[in-house]
C-alpha atoms as a PDB file:
ATOM      1  CA  MET A   1       0.000   0.000   0.000  1.00  0.00           C
ATOM      2  CA  ARG A   2       1.363   3.411  -0.977  1.00  0.00           C
ATOM      3  CA  LEU A   3      -0.374   5.287   1.825  1.00  0.00           C
ATOM      4  CA  THR A   4      -0.169   4.809   5.588  1.00  0.00           C
ATOM      5  CA  PHE A   5      -2.658   6.220   8.114  1.00  0.00           C
ATOM      6  CA  ILE A   6      -1.960   6.230  11.825  1.00  0.00           C
ATOM      7  CA  LEU A   7      -5.166   7.138  13.616  1.00  0.00           C
ATOM      8  CA  ILE A   8      -5.745   7.898  17.271  1.00  0.00           C
ATOM      9  CA  ALA A   9      -9.365   6.809  17.073  1.00  0.00           C
ATOM     10  CA  THR A  10     -11.186   3.795  15.751  1.00  0.00           C
ATOM     11  CA  ILE A  11     -11.406   3.860  11.966  1.00  0.00           C
ATOM     12  CA  ALA A  12     -14.848   3.504  10.490  1.00  0.00           C
ATOM     13  CA  LEU A  13     -15.424   3.118   6.770  1.00  0.00           C
ATOM     14  CA  MET A  14     -17.893   5.155   4.715  1.00  0.00           C
ATOM     15  CA  GLY A  15     -20.601   6.601   6.875  1.00  0.00           C
ATOM     16  CA  LEU A  16     -20.012   4.601  10.052  1.00  0.00           C
ATOM     17  CA  GLY A  17     -17.627   7.070  11.720  1.00  0.00           C
ATOM     18  CA  SER A  18     -18.336  10.275  13.560  1.00  0.00           C
ATOM     19  CA  ALA A  19     -16.619  12.520  11.039  1.00  0.00           C
ATOM     20  CA  ALA A  20     -18.565  15.267   9.364  1.00  0.00           C
ATOM     21  CA  SER A  21     -19.408  14.231   5.850  1.00  0.00           C
ATOM     22  CA  PRO A  22     -19.464  16.649   2.898  1.00  0.00           C
ATOM     23  CA  ASP A  23     -23.278  16.664   3.147  1.00  0.00           C
ATOM     24  CA  SER A  24     -23.138  18.132   6.675  1.00  0.00           C
ATOM     25  CA  ARG A  25     -21.095  21.199   5.736  1.00  0.00           C
ATOM     26  CA  SER A  26     -22.746  24.565   5.563  1.00  0.00           C
ATOM     27  CA  PRO A  27     -24.215  25.111   2.080  1.00  0.00           C
ATOM     28  CA  ALA A  28     -23.731  28.879   2.450  1.00  0.00           C
ATOM     29  CA  ALA A  29     -19.934  28.654   2.629  1.00  0.00           C
ATOM     30  CA  SER A  30     -18.016  27.510  -0.409  1.00  0.00           C
ATOM     31  CA  PRO A  31     -15.301  24.966   0.393  1.00  0.00           C
ATOM     32  CA  THR A  32     -11.622  25.855   0.517  1.00  0.00           C
ATOM     33  CA  THR A  33      -9.389  23.551  -1.565  1.00  0.00           C
ATOM     34  CA  ILE A  34      -5.601  23.639  -1.259  1.00  0.00           C
ATOM     35  CA  GLU A  35      -2.964  21.349  -2.776  1.00  0.00           C
ATOM     36  CA  VAL A  36       0.048  20.772  -0.525  1.00  0.00           C
ATOM     37  CA  GLU A  37       3.127  19.462  -2.307  1.00  0.00           C
ATOM     38  CA  MET A  38       5.623  17.354  -0.371  1.00  0.00           C
ATOM     39  CA  GLY A  39       9.213  17.013  -1.572  1.00  0.00           C
ATOM     40  CA  GLU A  40      12.800  16.902  -0.398  1.00  0.00           C
ATOM     41  CA  PHE A  41      12.694  18.612   2.216  1.00  0.00           C
ATOM     42  CA  ARG A  42       9.796  21.017   2.026  1.00  0.00           C
ATOM     43  CA  PHE A  43       6.068  21.544   1.993  1.00  0.00           C
ATOM     44  CA  ARG A  44       4.665  23.912  -0.611  1.00  0.00           C
ATOM     45  CA  PRO A  45       2.926  26.034   0.526  1.00  0.00           C
ATOM     46  CA  ALA A  46       4.676  26.080   3.892  1.00  0.00           C
ATOM     47  CA  VAL A  47       1.983  28.316   5.403  1.00  0.00           C
ATOM     48  CA  ILE A  48      -1.610  27.198   4.892  1.00  0.00           C
ATOM     49  CA  HIS A  49      -4.346  29.734   5.691  1.00  0.00           C
ATOM     50  CA  LEU A  50      -7.713  28.285   6.716  1.00  0.00           C
ATOM     51  CA  GLU A  51     -10.927  29.781   8.011  1.00  0.00           C
ATOM     52  CA  ALA A  52     -12.496  28.348  11.178  1.00  0.00           C
ATOM     53  CA  GLY A  53     -15.908  26.871  10.418  1.00  0.00           C
ATOM     54  CA  ARG A  54     -15.286  26.653   6.664  1.00  0.00           C
ATOM     55  CA  TYR A  55     -15.276  23.214   5.038  1.00  0.00           C
ATOM     56  CA  THR A  56     -11.747  22.519   3.744  1.00  0.00           C
ATOM     57  CA  THR A  57     -10.095  20.079   1.370  1.00  0.00           C
ATOM     58  CA  LEU A  58      -6.321  19.613   1.620  1.00  0.00           C
ATOM     59  CA  GLN A  59      -4.795  17.429  -1.058  1.00  0.00           C
ATOM     60  CA  PHE A  60      -1.326  16.199  -0.098  1.00  0.00           C
ATOM     61  CA  VAL A  61       0.825  15.057  -3.034  1.00  0.00           C
ATOM     62  CA  ASN A  62       4.288  13.533  -2.588  1.00  0.00           C
ATOM     63  CA  ARG A  63       6.335  14.722  -5.578  1.00  0.00           C
ATOM     64  CA  GLY A  64       9.602  13.673  -3.953  1.00  0.00           C
ATOM     65  CA  GLN A  65      11.775  10.586  -4.330  1.00  0.00           C
ATOM     66  CA  LEU A  66      11.395   9.596  -0.646  1.00  0.00           C
ATOM     67  CA  ALA A  67       8.440   8.790   1.597  1.00  0.00           C
ATOM     68  CA  HIS A  68       7.152  11.848   3.471  1.00  0.00           C
ATOM     69  CA  GLN A  69       4.557  12.360   6.154  1.00  0.00           C
ATOM     70  CA  VAL A  70       2.691  15.158   7.825  1.00  0.00           C
ATOM     71  CA  GLU A  71       1.973  15.353  11.535  1.00  0.00           C
ATOM     72  CA  THR A  72       0.232  18.143  13.452  1.00  0.00           C
ATOM     73  CA  VAL A  73      -1.694  18.408  16.704  1.00  0.00           C
ATOM     74  CA  ALA A  74      -4.390  20.246  14.726  1.00  0.00           C
ATOM     75  CA  PHE A  75      -5.547  16.958  13.144  1.00  0.00           C
ATOM     76  CA  ARG A  76      -5.440  14.728  16.244  1.00  0.00           C
ATOM     77  CA  ARG A  77      -9.010  15.353  17.417  1.00  0.00           C
ATOM     78  CA  LEU A  78     -10.487  16.765  14.237  1.00  0.00           C
ATOM     79  CA  PRO A  79     -13.204  14.716  12.521  1.00  0.00           C
ATOM     80  CA  MET A  80     -12.284  14.239   8.869  1.00  0.00           C
ATOM     81  CA  THR A  81     -12.621  12.152   5.760  1.00  0.00           C
ATOM     82  CA  ILE A  82      -9.463  10.748   4.182  1.00  0.00           C
ATOM     83  CA  VAL A  83      -9.585   9.712   0.532  1.00  0.00           C
ATOM     84  CA  ASP A  84      -6.982   8.087  -1.702  1.00  0.00           C
ATOM     85  CA  PRO A  85      -7.393   5.814  -4.755  1.00  0.00           C
ATOM     86  CA  GLN A  86      -7.812   2.703  -2.520  1.00  0.00           C
ATOM     87  CA  SER A  87      -9.626   4.131   0.520  1.00  0.00           C
ATOM     88  CA  HIS A  88     -12.416   6.320   1.821  1.00  0.00           C
ATOM     89  CA  ILE A  89     -12.082   6.609   5.606  1.00  0.00           C
ATOM     90  CA  GLU A  90     -14.035   8.702   8.076  1.00  0.00           C
ATOM     91  CA  THR A  91     -12.329   9.194  11.418  1.00  0.00           C
ATOM     92  CA  SER A  92     -12.455  11.306  14.561  1.00  0.00           C
ATOM     93  CA  GLY A  93      -8.750  12.182  14.339  1.00  0.00           C
ATOM     94  CA  LEU A  94      -5.556  11.703  12.384  1.00  0.00           C
ATOM     95  CA  GLU A  95      -2.119  11.523  13.942  1.00  0.00           C
ATOM     96  CA  ILE A  96       0.114  10.962  10.899  1.00  0.00           C
ATOM     97  CA  LEU A  97      -0.461  10.879   7.141  1.00  0.00           C
ATOM     98  CA  ARG A  98       2.411   9.129   5.321  1.00  0.00           C
ATOM     99  CA  LEU A  99       2.745   9.096   1.535  1.00  0.00           C
ATOM    100  CA  GLN A 100       5.137   7.114  -0.620  1.00  0.00           C
ATOM    101  CA  PRO A 101       6.731   8.824  -3.671  1.00  0.00           C
ATOM    102  CA  GLY A 102       4.073   9.669  -6.266  1.00  0.00           C
ATOM    103  CA  ALA A 103       1.154   9.061  -3.883  1.00  0.00           C
ATOM    104  CA  ALA A 104      -1.620  11.510  -2.999  1.00  0.00           C
ATOM    105  CA  ALA A 105      -4.356  11.687  -0.371  1.00  0.00           C
ATOM    106  CA  THR A 106      -7.151  14.145   0.286  1.00  0.00           C
ATOM    107  CA  LEU A 107      -8.226  15.304   3.753  1.00  0.00           C
ATOM    108  CA  ARG A 108     -11.707  16.834   4.093  1.00  0.00           C
ATOM    109  CA  PHE A 109     -12.641  18.583   7.333  1.00  0.00           C
ATOM    110  CA  THR A 110     -13.949  21.739   8.970  1.00  0.00           C
ATOM    111  CA  PRO A 111     -11.392  23.447  11.224  1.00  0.00           C
ATOM    112  CA  ARG A 112     -13.006  24.520  14.472  1.00  0.00           C
ATOM    113  CA  VAL A 113     -10.187  25.991  16.578  1.00  0.00           C
ATOM    114  CA  ARG A 114      -8.428  29.219  15.638  1.00  0.00           C
ATOM    115  CA  GLY A 115      -4.675  29.448  16.014  1.00  0.00           C
ATOM    116  CA  ARG A 116      -1.298  28.673  14.467  1.00  0.00           C
ATOM    117  CA  PHE A 117      -0.481  24.974  14.358  1.00  0.00           C
ATOM    118  CA  ARG A 118       2.942  23.741  13.393  1.00  0.00           C
ATOM    119  CA  PHE A 119       3.174  20.710  11.101  1.00  0.00           C
ATOM    120  CA  ALA A 120       6.205  18.703  10.022  1.00  0.00           C
ATOM    121  CA  CYS A 121       7.438  15.600   8.287  1.00  0.00           C
ATOM    122  CA  THR A 122       8.461  13.528  11.283  1.00  0.00           C
ATOM    123  CA  ILE A 123      10.471  10.926   9.387  1.00  0.00           C
ATOM    124  CA  GLU A 124      13.948  10.921  10.931  1.00  0.00           C
ATOM    125  CA  GLY A 125      16.002  13.870   9.665  1.00  0.00           C
ATOM    126  CA  HIS A 126      13.292  15.449   7.492  1.00  0.00           C
ATOM    127  CA  GLN A 127      12.048  17.986  10.031  1.00  0.00           C
ATOM    128  CA  GLU A 128      15.644  18.865  10.908  1.00  0.00           C
ATOM    129  CA  ALA A 129      16.317  19.480   7.180  1.00  0.00           C
ATOM    130  CA  GLY A 130      13.525  22.084   7.151  1.00  0.00           C
ATOM    131  CA  MET A 131      10.416  20.095   6.228  1.00  0.00           C
ATOM    132  CA  THR A 132       8.018  22.095   8.411  1.00  0.00           C
ATOM    133  CA  GLY A 133       5.081  24.423   8.004  1.00  0.00           C
ATOM    134  CA  VAL A 134       2.218  26.204   9.733  1.00  0.00           C
ATOM    135  CA  LEU A 135      -1.560  25.799   9.548  1.00  0.00           C
ATOM    136  CA  GLU A 136      -3.033  29.200  10.338  1.00  0.00           C
ATOM    137  CA  VAL A 137      -6.717  29.010  11.219  1.00  0.00           C
ATOM    138  CA  ARG A 138      -8.476  32.376  11.496  1.00  0.00           C
END
């Protein structure tokens, strides 16, 4: 499998979890969609601006030659849907999203807490080489 999920909650497939589905988002607010490119040793963009209460889609794409992952406390208790070519998972939190070279995964969620949340690739040496960023939720 090209994608690894490490979840802090029980995983439930399609409709059985507690995550907010796309149908439960506010119809008045248009969704925010952002592609986040992973590579050696960077995230692009490195600062991601989100709006609290606005349904968001982040598509992570590993364009590098090495496996990369993203970890942030902002996702640990945030209900979300995770989609890749082999999976559709609804969960109450995500600890780490790991992608092999060439892989992509989409995270769909509504940020609820305002603040600046650091994220990083926590594979040994990657964060130290500068593979970090910030989620800014306003």
